[in-house]
Amino acid sequence: MRITANQITALRIVLLPLPLFLIYGGAASRVAALLILSVLGLTDYLDGFLARKYGVTSLGRLLDPIADKIFVAVTLVPLADLGILPMWIVWPIFFREFLVTEMRRFMTPEKKGLRVTELAKIKTTLQMTGVGLILLTNTFPDKIVTISFLAGLFLATVFLAVAIYSKGGKITSRLKTALLLEAMGFFIAIVLPARQVELTYGLIVLLVTFASGAQYVSACLPGLLRRGPSAFFDLVISLVNPLLGLSLLPLAPDNAHLLVVLILAVEFAAQGIDMWAVQENRVDLSFYKKRFFVPFVVMVFLGMLAAGQGPKAAATAYLVLCAAGSTVYLVIDLFIHRDLFKKGEFFQ
């Protein structure tokens, strides 16, 4: 029996919690985390290759973007929690991810299946590579390892570009972008102190993430405006659970990052299933979450603050309720829409 793209994607999702715990260890533990993340990042290309070779399934169209987004959650949340990257860099990245997915879901009835742009594909690769370089620089602040890695990566890409050009007479735009970003990263690592390198890499990831999001927003905004204020209300309230949970990370107790990662991962998965359901003209369960569950947990949080319980206790209660409620919602979502998961696709 051959290995399928869906099996590789599912394995990537299952293994992602492992580096989440390793990042909080010492240098050896972080190196192990980086090695695992590198392997998991490479599987993104492998499952893409297999999908193109044997055909893309509806399950694959759901799993692959979810795996990519969970990858970002598992790596970026610890960087914020450990103070390696400031929240003003990390939070907007997640804002873009949730906003774009929600806008695509809202616009499905009018513009079914907005295509993934080339910049969005570059963004995903840059996010994976960028968080690895940031963690590598933070672990080895003398920058020798980072500079050596980028030098080797740049040379390998140059050789690849020469081989492709000699064979076909041209170089793809994606390869040109990779050469530019690698050269930029190498220059930054040489010139700036380690702390500034980390922040600069984070800013580059943020800027490319927002640039790719702008393409989707410009495509969806006219249709969203036509749908009136209620559409904006639905859009905003759909972002509350994950983004407020991430905002409360600095106020929460130790190990709260596990709850935040869980909330983000579950919300990403639920977003994907809900968008799939809308595309297939099925019931959209997110209506009930936005009308009942989200206001409930927000009122609990605000009520605890008003009662003088303190920000830490209120943040903890919110994260626990949100994690539990979002997980229950995902389970119900999976059960209601179980017929979308066609039998045998996992082995195709």
Protein backbone atom coordinates (compact mmCIF):
# COMPACT_ATOMS: atom_id res chain seq x y z
CA MET A 1 0.00 0.00 0.00
CA ARG A 2 1.43 3.37 -1.05
CA ILE A 3 1.76 6.34 1.28
CA THR A 4 -0.71 9.10 0.43
CA ALA A 5 -0.55 12.87 0.73
CA ASN A 6 -3.39 12.85 3.27
CA GLN A 7 -1.54 10.38 5.50
CA ILE A 8 1.59 12.55 5.49
CA THR A 9 -0.43 15.67 6.29
CA ALA A 10 -2.23 13.89 9.14
CA LEU A 11 1.13 12.67 10.51
CA ARG A 12 2.42 16.25 10.44
CA ILE A 13 -0.53 17.40 12.55
CA VAL A 14 -0.10 14.55 15.04
CA LEU A 15 3.64 15.21 15.52
CA LEU A 16 3.44 18.99 15.87
CA PRO A 17 2.91 18.95 19.69
CA LEU A 18 6.37 17.38 20.12
CA PRO A 19 8.43 20.46 19.13
CA LEU A 20 6.03 22.62 21.16
CA PHE A 21 7.37 21.02 24.34
CA LEU A 22 11.00 20.82 23.16
CA ILE A 23 11.23 24.57 22.45
CA TYR A 24 11.00 25.23 26.20
CA GLY A 25 14.10 23.14 26.95
CA GLY A 26 17.81 23.88 26.71
CA ALA A 27 20.00 24.20 23.62
CA ALA A 28 19.98 20.46 22.85
CA SER A 29 16.22 20.31 23.24
CA ARG A 30 15.75 23.29 20.93
CA VAL A 31 18.03 21.78 18.30
CA ALA A 32 15.89 18.63 18.43
CA ALA A 33 12.79 20.82 18.03
CA LEU A 34 14.34 22.57 15.02
CA LEU A 35 15.25 19.25 13.40
CA ILE A 36 11.71 17.94 13.88
CA LEU A 37 10.21 21.18 12.55
CA SER A 38 12.52 21.00 9.52
CA VAL A 39 11.39 17.45 8.76
CA LEU A 40 7.74 18.42 9.24
CA GLY A 41 8.24 21.44 7.00
CA LEU A 42 9.69 19.22 4.27
CA THR A 43 6.65 16.95 4.48
CA ASP A 44 4.60 19.95 3.33
CA TYR A 45 6.40 19.73 -0.02
CA LEU A 46 6.19 15.94 -0.08
CA ASP A 47 2.43 15.80 0.43
CA GLY A 48 2.06 18.54 -2.18
CA PHE A 49 4.09 16.48 -4.66
CA LEU A 50 2.01 13.36 -3.98
CA ALA A 51 -1.23 15.34 -4.27
CA ARG A 52 -0.21 16.70 -7.68
CA LYS A 53 0.89 13.24 -8.82
CA TYR A 54 -2.13 11.22 -7.69
CA GLY A 55 -4.79 13.92 -7.49
CA VAL A 56 -6.07 16.30 -4.83
CA THR A 57 -8.90 15.06 -2.61
CA SER A 58 -11.47 17.12 -0.72
CA LEU A 59 -9.93 15.84 2.52
CA GLY A 60 -6.52 17.02 1.38
CA ARG A 61 -7.85 20.50 0.60
CA LEU A 62 -9.04 20.65 4.22
CA LEU A 63 -6.08 19.08 6.01
CA ASP A 64 -3.16 20.81 4.30
CA PRO A 65 -3.97 24.45 5.20
CA ILE A 66 -4.99 23.38 8.71
CA ALA A 67 -1.63 21.65 9.18
CA ASP A 68 0.21 24.77 7.96
CA LYS A 69 -1.68 27.04 10.35
CA ILE A 70 -1.21 24.72 13.33
CA PHE A 71 2.51 24.68 12.48
CA VAL A 72 2.53 28.47 12.84
CA ALA A 73 0.61 28.30 16.15
CA VAL A 74 2.95 25.69 17.62
CA THR A 75 6.03 27.77 16.78
CA LEU A 76 4.94 31.40 17.15
CA VAL A 77 3.08 31.15 20.46
CA PRO A 78 6.16 29.84 22.32
CA LEU A 79 8.25 32.64 20.78
CA ALA A 80 5.80 35.18 22.21
CA ASP A 81 5.49 33.35 25.52
CA LEU A 82 9.28 33.25 25.98
CA GLY A 83 9.67 36.91 25.03
CA ILE A 84 11.67 36.10 21.89
CA LEU A 85 9.16 37.94 19.71
CA PRO A 86 6.90 40.72 21.00
CA MET A 87 3.15 40.24 20.91
CA TRP A 88 2.81 43.20 18.52
CA ILE A 89 4.50 41.04 15.87
CA VAL A 90 2.87 37.71 16.71
CA TRP A 91 -0.73 38.86 17.24
CA PRO A 92 -1.16 40.54 13.82
CA ILE A 93 0.11 37.39 12.08
CA PHE A 94 -2.69 35.36 13.63
CA PHE A 95 -5.13 38.18 12.96
CA ARG A 96 -4.34 37.89 9.26
CA GLU A 97 -4.67 34.09 9.27
CA PHE A 98 -8.09 34.05 10.95
CA LEU A 99 -9.38 37.12 9.08
CA VAL A 100 -8.54 35.78 5.62
CA THR A 101 -10.09 32.37 6.30
CA GLU A 102 -13.27 33.97 7.65
CA MET A 103 -13.51 36.38 4.71
CA ARG A 104 -13.11 33.48 2.28
CA ARG A 105 -15.86 31.59 4.09
CA PHE A 106 -18.20 34.61 4.09
CA MET A 107 -17.66 35.14 0.37
CA THR A 108 -18.07 31.49 -0.63
CA PRO A 109 -21.72 31.89 -1.73
CA GLU A 110 -20.75 34.76 -4.05
CA LYS A 111 -17.27 33.73 -5.14
CA LYS A 112 -16.81 30.07 -4.53
CA GLY A 113 -13.27 28.85 -4.05
CA LEU A 114 -10.98 31.90 -4.04
CA ARG A 115 -7.67 30.57 -5.34
CA VAL A 116 -4.61 30.46 -3.13
CA THR A 117 -2.25 33.13 -4.44
CA GLU A 118 1.43 32.66 -5.21
CA LEU A 119 2.35 35.15 -2.48
CA ALA A 120 0.32 33.14 0.03
CA LYS A 121 2.36 30.05 -0.82
CA ILE A 122 5.58 32.03 -0.34
CA LYS A 123 4.18 33.36 2.93
CA THR A 124 3.68 29.85 4.31
CA THR A 125 7.25 28.85 3.46
CA LEU A 126 8.61 32.10 4.89
CA GLN A 127 6.70 31.63 8.14
CA MET A 128 8.10 28.13 8.59
CA THR A 129 11.65 29.19 7.73
CA GLY A 130 11.48 32.48 9.63
CA VAL A 131 10.43 31.02 12.98
CA GLY A 132 13.19 28.43 12.65
CA LEU A 133 15.83 31.12 12.04
CA ILE A 134 14.53 33.20 14.94
CA LEU A 135 14.71 30.24 17.31
CA LEU A 136 18.14 29.27 15.97
CA THR A 137 19.48 32.81 16.52
CA ASN A 138 18.02 32.96 20.03
CA THR A 139 19.55 29.58 20.92
CA PHE A 140 22.99 30.48 19.50
CA PRO A 141 23.28 34.27 19.89
CA ASP A 142 26.84 34.37 18.49
CA LYS A 143 25.03 33.97 15.12
CA ILE A 144 27.66 31.59 13.71
CA VAL A 145 25.13 28.78 13.32
CA THR A 146 22.54 31.08 11.73
CA ILE A 147 25.05 32.59 9.29
CA SER A 148 26.43 29.18 8.36
CA PHE A 149 22.96 27.77 7.79
CA LEU A 150 21.90 30.70 5.60
CA ALA A 151 25.15 30.56 3.61
CA GLY A 152 24.64 26.88 2.90
CA LEU A 153 20.96 27.41 2.05
CA PHE A 154 21.80 30.27 -0.31
CA LEU A 155 24.50 28.28 -2.12
CA ALA A 156 22.19 25.29 -2.46
CA THR A 157 19.49 27.53 -3.93
CA VAL A 158 21.99 29.11 -6.35
CA PHE A 159 23.06 25.66 -7.60
CA LEU A 160 19.42 24.70 -8.00
CA ALA A 161 18.69 27.89 -9.92
CA VAL A 162 21.67 27.30 -12.24
CA ALA A 163 20.56 23.72 -12.88
CA ILE A 164 16.99 24.78 -13.65
CA TYR A 165 18.16 27.64 -15.91
CA SER A 166 20.58 25.43 -17.84
CA LYS A 167 17.79 22.94 -18.45
CA GLY A 168 14.86 25.23 -19.23
CA GLY A 169 16.35 28.64 -19.89
CA LYS A 170 14.40 30.39 -17.14
CA ILE A 171 13.99 30.59 -13.36
CA THR A 172 10.63 30.60 -11.62
CA SER A 173 9.49 33.67 -9.72
CA ARG A 174 9.29 31.61 -6.54
CA LEU A 175 12.96 30.63 -6.86
CA LYS A 176 13.94 34.26 -7.51
CA THR A 177 12.02 35.28 -4.38
CA ALA A 178 13.78 32.56 -2.37
CA LEU A 179 17.20 33.83 -3.50
CA LEU A 180 16.28 37.41 -2.59
CA LEU A 181 14.96 36.50 0.87
CA GLU A 182 17.92 34.22 1.64
CA ALA A 183 20.41 36.91 0.61
CA MET A 184 18.52 39.45 2.72
CA GLY A 185 18.48 37.09 5.71
CA PHE A 186 22.21 36.43 5.35
CA PHE A 187 23.01 40.16 5.22
CA ILE A 188 20.82 40.87 8.26
CA ALA A 189 22.49 38.09 10.26
CA ILE A 190 25.95 39.50 9.53
CA VAL A 191 25.21 43.17 10.15
CA LEU A 192 22.82 43.26 13.13
CA PRO A 193 23.16 42.07 16.75
CA ALA A 194 21.37 38.83 17.60
CA ARG A 195 18.37 40.49 19.26
CA GLN A 196 17.89 42.83 16.29
CA VAL A 197 18.18 39.89 13.92
CA GLU A 198 15.31 38.12 15.70
CA LEU A 199 13.09 41.21 15.55
CA THR A 200 13.95 41.95 11.91
CA TYR A 201 13.17 38.41 10.83
CA GLY A 202 9.89 38.65 12.71
CA LEU A 203 9.03 41.93 10.98
CA ILE A 204 9.78 40.44 7.55
CA VAL A 205 7.47 37.51 8.28
CA LEU A 206 4.79 39.94 9.46
CA LEU A 207 5.07 42.20 6.40
CA VAL A 208 4.91 39.32 3.90
CA THR A 209 2.01 37.78 5.86
CA PHE A 210 0.07 41.04 5.68
CA ALA A 211 0.95 41.61 2.02
CA SER A 212 -0.46 38.20 1.11
CA GLY A 213 -3.56 38.89 3.20
CA ALA A 214 -4.16 42.19 1.43
CA GLN A 215 -4.75 40.32 -1.82
CA TYR A 216 -7.59 38.32 -0.28
CA VAL A 217 -9.07 41.32 1.53
CA SER A 218 -9.16 43.41 -1.66
CA ALA A 219 -10.92 40.52 -3.45
CA CYS A 220 -13.48 39.93 -0.68
CA LEU A 221 -14.14 43.45 0.61
CA PRO A 222 -16.54 44.59 -2.15
CA GLY A 223 -18.78 41.58 -1.61
CA LEU A 224 -18.61 42.01 2.15
CA LEU A 225 -19.68 45.65 1.83
CA ARG A 226 -22.67 44.62 -0.27
CA ARG A 227 -23.85 42.31 2.52
CA GLY A 228 -24.14 45.17 5.02
CA PRO A 229 -23.28 45.75 8.71
CA SER A 230 -24.47 42.30 9.84
CA ALA A 231 -21.72 40.69 7.78
CA PHE A 232 -19.10 42.85 9.53
CA PHE A 233 -20.56 41.92 12.91
CA ASP A 234 -20.36 38.22 12.07
CA LEU A 235 -16.81 38.68 10.83
CA VAL A 236 -15.65 40.48 13.97
CA ILE A 237 -17.28 38.14 16.46
CA SER A 238 -15.86 35.11 14.67
CA LEU A 239 -12.36 36.40 15.47
CA VAL A 240 -12.94 36.98 19.19
CA ASN A 241 -12.21 33.55 20.67
CA PRO A 242 -8.73 32.91 19.24
CA LEU A 243 -7.47 36.49 19.16
CA LEU A 244 -8.66 37.46 22.63
CA GLY A 245 -7.23 34.20 23.95
CA LEU A 246 -3.85 35.03 22.40
CA SER A 247 -4.02 38.58 23.81
CA LEU A 248 -4.48 37.18 27.33
CA LEU A 249 -1.32 35.05 27.19
CA PRO A 250 0.84 37.62 29.05
CA LEU A 251 -1.73 37.81 31.87
CA ALA A 252 -2.23 34.07 32.30
CA PRO A 253 -0.21 31.76 34.60
CA ASP A 254 2.64 29.44 33.60
CA ASN A 255 1.86 26.81 30.96
CA ALA A 256 -1.08 28.87 29.70
CA HIS A 257 0.59 28.73 26.29
CA LEU A 258 -0.68 25.16 26.00
CA LEU A 259 -4.26 26.37 26.27
CA VAL A 260 -3.60 29.18 23.78
CA VAL A 261 -2.08 26.79 21.24
CA LEU A 262 -5.00 24.40 21.74
CA ILE A 263 -7.51 27.21 21.16
CA LEU A 264 -5.74 28.40 18.01
CA ALA A 265 -5.35 24.88 16.61
CA VAL A 266 -8.97 23.91 17.28
CA GLU A 267 -10.28 27.19 15.88
CA PHE A 268 -8.21 26.74 12.71
CA ALA A 269 -9.62 23.23 12.29
CA ALA A 270 -13.20 24.39 12.92
CA GLN A 271 -12.76 27.27 10.45
CA GLY A 272 -11.68 24.83 7.77
CA ILE A 273 -14.61 22.48 8.34
CA ASP A 274 -17.11 25.36 8.45
CA MET A 275 -15.79 26.78 5.18
CA TRP A 276 -15.97 23.33 3.60
CA ALA A 277 -19.55 22.93 4.82
CA VAL A 278 -20.56 26.30 3.34
CA GLN A 279 -18.94 25.40 0.02
CA GLU A 280 -21.01 22.21 -0.04
CA ASN A 281 -24.22 24.08 0.92
CA ARG A 282 -24.41 22.40 4.33
CA VAL A 283 -25.53 23.91 7.61
CA ASP A 284 -23.09 26.46 9.05
CA LEU A 285 -22.82 25.69 12.76
CA SER A 286 -20.66 28.74 13.41
CA PHE A 287 -23.87 30.80 13.66
CA TYR A 288 -24.62 29.20 17.04
CA LYS A 289 -21.09 29.67 18.30
CA LYS A 290 -21.08 33.35 17.39
CA ARG A 291 -24.52 34.04 18.84
CA PHE A 292 -24.27 32.08 22.08
CA PHE A 293 -20.86 30.67 23.03
CA VAL A 294 -18.63 33.65 22.22
CA PRO A 295 -20.81 36.19 24.10
CA PHE A 296 -21.02 33.80 27.06
CA VAL A 297 -17.26 33.39 27.55
CA VAL A 298 -16.65 37.11 27.00
CA MET A 299 -19.29 37.97 29.61
CA VAL A 300 -17.70 35.53 32.07
CA PHE A 301 -14.34 37.21 31.53
CA LEU A 302 -15.71 40.73 31.92
CA GLY A 303 -17.87 39.66 34.89
CA MET A 304 -14.85 38.30 36.74
CA LEU A 305 -12.96 41.53 36.12
CA ALA A 306 -15.91 43.59 37.34
CA ALA A 307 -16.17 41.41 40.45
CA GLY A 308 -12.56 42.16 41.31
CA GLN A 309 -11.23 38.65 40.64
CA GLY A 310 -8.13 40.10 38.98
CA PRO A 311 -6.78 39.87 35.41
CA LYS A 312 -4.89 36.61 36.02
CA ALA A 313 -7.92 34.72 37.34
CA ALA A 314 -10.18 36.16 34.63
CA ALA A 315 -7.69 35.30 31.88
CA THR A 316 -7.30 31.75 33.19
CA ALA A 317 -11.07 31.23 33.34
CA TYR A 318 -11.49 32.58 29.83
CA LEU A 319 -8.76 30.35 28.37
CA VAL A 320 -10.11 27.23 30.09
CA LEU A 321 -13.70 27.91 29.00
CA CYS A 322 -12.66 28.85 25.50
CA ALA A 323 -10.45 25.77 25.07
CA ALA A 324 -13.16 23.44 26.37
CA GLY A 325 -15.97 25.06 24.39
CA SER A 326 -14.01 25.28 21.15
CA THR A 327 -13.01 21.62 21.44
CA VAL A 328 -16.62 20.55 22.04
CA TYR A 329 -17.71 22.66 19.07
CA LEU A 330 -15.10 20.99 16.84
CA VAL A 331 -16.26 17.51 17.90
CA ILE A 332 -19.89 18.42 17.14
CA ASP A 333 -18.83 20.01 13.85
CA LEU A 334 -17.01 16.83 12.84
CA PHE A 335 -19.99 14.68 13.79
CA ILE A 336 -22.59 16.79 11.97
CA HIS A 337 -20.49 17.00 8.82
CA ARG A 338 -19.02 13.51 8.98
CA ASP A 339 -20.50 12.65 5.59
CA LEU A 340 -18.14 15.18 3.98
CA PHE A 341 -15.22 12.97 4.87
CA LYS A 342 -15.54 10.51 2.05
CA LYS A 343 -14.69 6.93 2.88
CA GLY A 344 -11.31 5.90 1.55
CA GLU A 345 -9.92 9.39 0.86
CA PHE A 346 -7.36 8.95 3.63
CA PHE A 347 -5.87 6.11 1.57
CA GLN A 348 -6.05 7.88 -1.78
